[in-house]
Structure formats: structure tokens, C-alpha cells
Amino acid sequence: MARYLLNRVAEDYGIDISIAPKLFPEWNGSGCHTNFSTKTMRSGEGKMKYLDDMMEKFSAKHKLHISLYGEDNHLRLTGHHETSSCDVFSYGVGNRAASFRIPTAVRADNGKGYIEDRRPASNIDPYVVASIIFDTGVLNSTKGEPLVNQYNAWRQNCKENNVPMPR
């Protein structure tokens, strides 16, 4: 809804809006960093081990996540300008150049709090990103395959029919 309103107001003023993840090579890109927590994280009962175990799950599905995290995101995730590389999964406490950043306050409180997935681009579908984060980080067995298949079919249909993807 916010994107619609932004574009509608911009239209009234003759302004073009871009949500492309990387407009200029020498500038930082535009991300849609996604902060989230689970009940276990908010209570702190799982401690840092819970987060480390979750990061193993995200590492195993890194390429899948990158494929869903916005068109042309590889232009932004270069390992420069406070980004991680789209080719390598990483995480770290207070590390703004990692795939996942664990806030220093969360580490100081032994895993109690939230974490930040820094990989999503500004042009993501937020429903797809939230779904795949939940599927990977929370569920014991994956349920995301139908979502991934539908999303990829939609992207392919856009390409075949020359319908522009969000940029």
C-alpha cells in the first residue's frame, strides 16, 4: 500500500520513483532489511545457541533466499558498502556487512531480542520474504515449496510476456 501511495503522489508531481536495489555503482544500494523475532528469541530461553542453530538453517538455504530477495539484488550484495556477498552466507554480532546482523544488545543479553536479515532488496515482495524467513527459521519442516514454485512461475510469466518486474 505504501508503494502505491508513493507512486500515486509522485505521479501528481511528475516524479518517477525507483525501488531498484542499486541505482549508482558508487553509492550504497537500497535494501529492505527485515528484522524479526520468535517467541523463543523474545523470551531469551534459547540463548545464543538458538540463534546459532537458526543461522545454520539460513546458511543451508542461502541461495534459495537470494533468489527470492528482489530482482537485481546481486548488484547491491557485492560485499562493499556495508553489504554481504550474495554468494556467501555470513552472520555476526553488530556486523553490518553480514547476511544477518545480531544486534550487540541481543548478544549482551545472551540471545534475547531480535535479528536482522540484511539481504532483501528494496524491490522485494514482502509477503514472499516474510514467508520464506518463517519457513526457514521457524518451521521444523519446510512448507515453502508451493510458494517458491508459484513465485518463480509468476516471474517467468512476467519475462515471457514482457511485463516489468518491480524495480
Protein backbone atom coordinates (compact mmCIF):
# COMPACT_ATOMS: atom_id res chain seq x y z
CA MET A 1 0.00 0.00 0.00
CA ALA A 2 2.84 2.38 0.84
CA ARG A 3 4.42 1.82 -2.57
CA TYR A 4 1.10 2.53 -4.26
CA LEU A 5 0.68 5.77 -2.31
CA LEU A 6 4.26 6.82 -3.03
CA ASN A 7 3.82 6.24 -6.76
CA ARG A 8 0.42 7.94 -6.81
CA VAL A 9 1.71 11.09 -5.08
CA ALA A 10 4.80 11.11 -7.31
CA GLU A 11 2.53 10.91 -10.36
CA ASP A 12 0.75 14.11 -9.26
CA TYR A 13 4.10 15.91 -9.14
CA GLY A 14 5.61 14.43 -12.30
CA ILE A 15 8.25 12.49 -10.39
CA ASP A 16 9.44 8.95 -11.16
CA ILE A 17 10.07 6.53 -8.31
CA SER A 18 12.58 3.69 -8.46
CA ILE A 19 12.81 0.89 -5.94
CA ALA A 20 15.80 -0.65 -7.72
CA PRO A 21 18.33 -2.10 -5.29
CA LYS A 22 21.32 -0.35 -6.90
CA LEU A 23 20.93 2.79 -8.98
CA PHE A 24 24.54 4.03 -8.95
CA PRO A 25 27.62 1.79 -8.65
CA GLU A 26 29.49 4.08 -6.25
CA TRP A 27 26.52 4.56 -3.89
CA ASN A 28 25.09 2.31 -1.22
CA GLY A 29 22.16 0.32 -2.53
CA SER A 30 18.60 0.19 -1.27
CA GLY A 31 17.76 -2.74 0.93
CA CYS A 32 14.70 -3.85 2.80
CA HIS A 33 16.45 -5.21 5.88
CA THR A 34 14.00 -7.44 7.69
CA ASN A 35 14.03 -7.56 11.49
CA PHE A 36 12.21 -10.39 13.19
CA SER A 37 11.99 -12.40 16.37
CA THR A 38 10.30 -15.54 17.61
CA LYS A 39 8.72 -16.21 20.98
CA THR A 40 11.88 -18.10 21.96
CA MET A 41 14.06 -15.13 20.99
CA ARG A 42 11.86 -12.65 22.83
CA SER A 43 11.93 -14.75 25.99
CA GLY A 44 15.64 -15.48 25.68
CA GLU A 45 15.12 -19.11 26.68
CA GLY A 46 17.06 -20.47 23.69
CA LYS A 47 20.09 -18.28 24.38
CA MET A 48 22.70 -17.72 21.65
CA LYS A 49 22.64 -21.41 20.74
CA TYR A 50 19.10 -20.94 19.40
CA LEU A 51 20.35 -18.17 17.10
CA ASP A 52 23.42 -20.14 16.02
CA ASP A 53 21.22 -23.14 15.18
CA MET A 54 18.84 -20.89 13.24
CA MET A 55 21.77 -19.40 11.30
CA GLU A 56 22.74 -22.92 10.19
CA LYS A 57 19.26 -23.31 8.69
CA PHE A 58 19.55 -19.98 6.88
CA SER A 59 23.03 -20.84 5.64
CA ALA A 60 21.75 -24.08 4.11
CA LYS A 61 19.06 -22.17 2.17
CA HIS A 62 21.08 -19.06 1.31
CA LYS A 63 20.84 -19.42 -2.47
CA LEU A 64 17.07 -20.00 -2.29
CA HIS A 65 16.62 -16.86 -0.21
CA ILE A 66 18.79 -14.78 -2.53
CA SER A 67 16.68 -15.94 -5.48
CA LEU A 68 13.56 -14.57 -3.75
CA TYR A 69 15.05 -11.37 -2.33
CA GLY A 70 14.50 -8.97 -5.24
CA GLU A 71 15.41 -8.51 -8.87
CA ASP A 72 18.98 -7.33 -9.50
CA ASN A 73 19.89 -7.77 -5.83
CA HIS A 74 23.27 -9.13 -6.94
CA LEU A 75 24.15 -5.56 -7.94
CA ARG A 76 23.72 -4.46 -4.31
CA LEU A 77 25.08 -7.51 -2.45
CA THR A 78 28.70 -7.16 -3.51
CA GLY A 79 30.45 -7.23 -0.15
CA HIS A 80 31.04 -3.47 -0.38
CA HIS A 81 29.05 -0.53 1.01
CA GLU A 82 28.02 -2.40 4.19
CA THR A 83 26.61 -5.40 2.35
CA SER A 84 27.45 -9.06 2.37
CA SER A 85 28.21 -11.02 -0.78
CA CYS A 86 25.22 -12.68 -2.39
CA ASP A 87 27.46 -15.73 -2.94
CA VAL A 88 28.42 -16.38 0.71
CA PHE A 89 26.24 -16.59 3.82
CA SER A 90 27.53 -14.85 6.93
CA TYR A 91 26.31 -13.62 10.28
CA GLY A 92 27.81 -11.73 13.14
CA VAL A 93 27.19 -9.65 16.21
CA GLY A 94 26.90 -5.99 15.26
CA ASN A 95 28.20 -6.81 11.78
CA ARG A 96 26.51 -4.56 9.22
CA ALA A 97 28.40 -6.30 6.40
CA ALA A 98 26.96 -9.75 7.18
CA SER A 99 23.95 -11.51 5.71
CA PHE A 100 22.42 -11.49 9.21
CA ARG A 101 23.23 -8.98 11.91
CA ILE A 102 22.71 -9.92 15.52
CA PRO A 103 22.45 -6.67 17.49
CA THR A 104 25.11 -6.24 20.17
CA ALA A 105 22.36 -5.82 22.78
CA VAL A 106 20.98 -9.25 21.83
CA ARG A 107 24.42 -10.81 22.31
CA ALA A 108 24.84 -8.99 25.61
CA ASP A 109 21.51 -10.44 26.73
CA ASN A 110 22.57 -13.96 25.62
CA GLY A 111 20.23 -14.23 22.62
CA LYS A 112 17.21 -12.35 23.89
CA GLY A 113 15.77 -10.00 21.29
CA TYR A 114 15.62 -9.97 17.50
CA ILE A 115 17.83 -10.46 14.45
CA GLU A 116 18.12 -8.66 11.12
CA ASP A 117 18.22 -10.29 7.69
CA ARG A 118 20.15 -7.69 5.68
CA ARG A 119 19.91 -9.48 2.32
CA PRO A 120 16.46 -8.46 0.98
CA ALA A 121 16.49 -5.72 -1.66
CA SER A 122 14.22 -2.68 -1.77
CA ASN A 123 12.09 -4.20 -4.53
CA ILE A 124 11.09 -7.39 -2.71
CA ASP A 125 7.65 -8.84 -2.33
CA PRO A 126 7.36 -8.52 1.47
CA TYR A 127 4.93 -11.44 1.70
CA VAL A 128 7.36 -13.79 -0.04
CA VAL A 129 10.26 -12.65 2.16
CA ALA A 130 8.29 -12.97 5.41
CA SER A 131 7.02 -16.40 4.35
CA ILE A 132 10.42 -17.82 3.43
CA ILE A 133 12.03 -16.41 6.60
CA PHE A 134 9.33 -18.09 8.68
CA ASP A 135 9.62 -21.30 6.67
CA THR A 136 13.38 -21.49 7.12
CA GLY A 137 13.87 -20.06 10.58
CA VAL A 138 10.85 -21.29 12.50
CA LEU A 139 9.25 -24.39 10.99
CA ASN A 140 10.72 -27.81 11.71
CA SER A 141 9.93 -28.98 8.18
CA THR A 142 9.63 -26.82 5.09
CA LYS A 143 6.25 -25.84 3.72
CA GLY A 144 7.57 -23.16 1.38
CA GLU A 145 7.96 -25.11 -1.85
CA PRO A 146 4.49 -24.22 -3.24
CA LEU A 147 5.14 -20.52 -2.55
CA VAL A 148 8.55 -20.66 -4.21
CA ASN A 149 7.14 -22.50 -7.23
CA GLN A 150 4.28 -20.02 -7.64
CA TYR A 151 6.59 -17.03 -7.28
CA ASN A 152 9.04 -18.41 -9.82
CA ALA A 153 6.19 -19.20 -12.24
CA TRP A 154 4.94 -15.61 -11.88
CA ARG A 155 8.44 -14.24 -12.57
CA GLN A 156 8.77 -16.46 -15.63
CA ASN A 157 5.36 -15.34 -16.88
CA CYS A 158 6.40 -11.70 -16.49
CA LYS A 159 9.53 -12.33 -18.56
CA GLU A 160 7.69 -14.24 -21.28
CA ASN A 161 5.04 -11.52 -21.60
CA ASN A 162 7.41 -8.56 -21.27
CA VAL A 163 5.75 -7.42 -18.06
CA PRO A 164 8.27 -5.46 -15.99
CA MET A 165 9.18 -6.76 -12.57
CA PRO A 166 9.19 -4.25 -9.71
CA ARG A 167 12.42 -2.21 -9.89
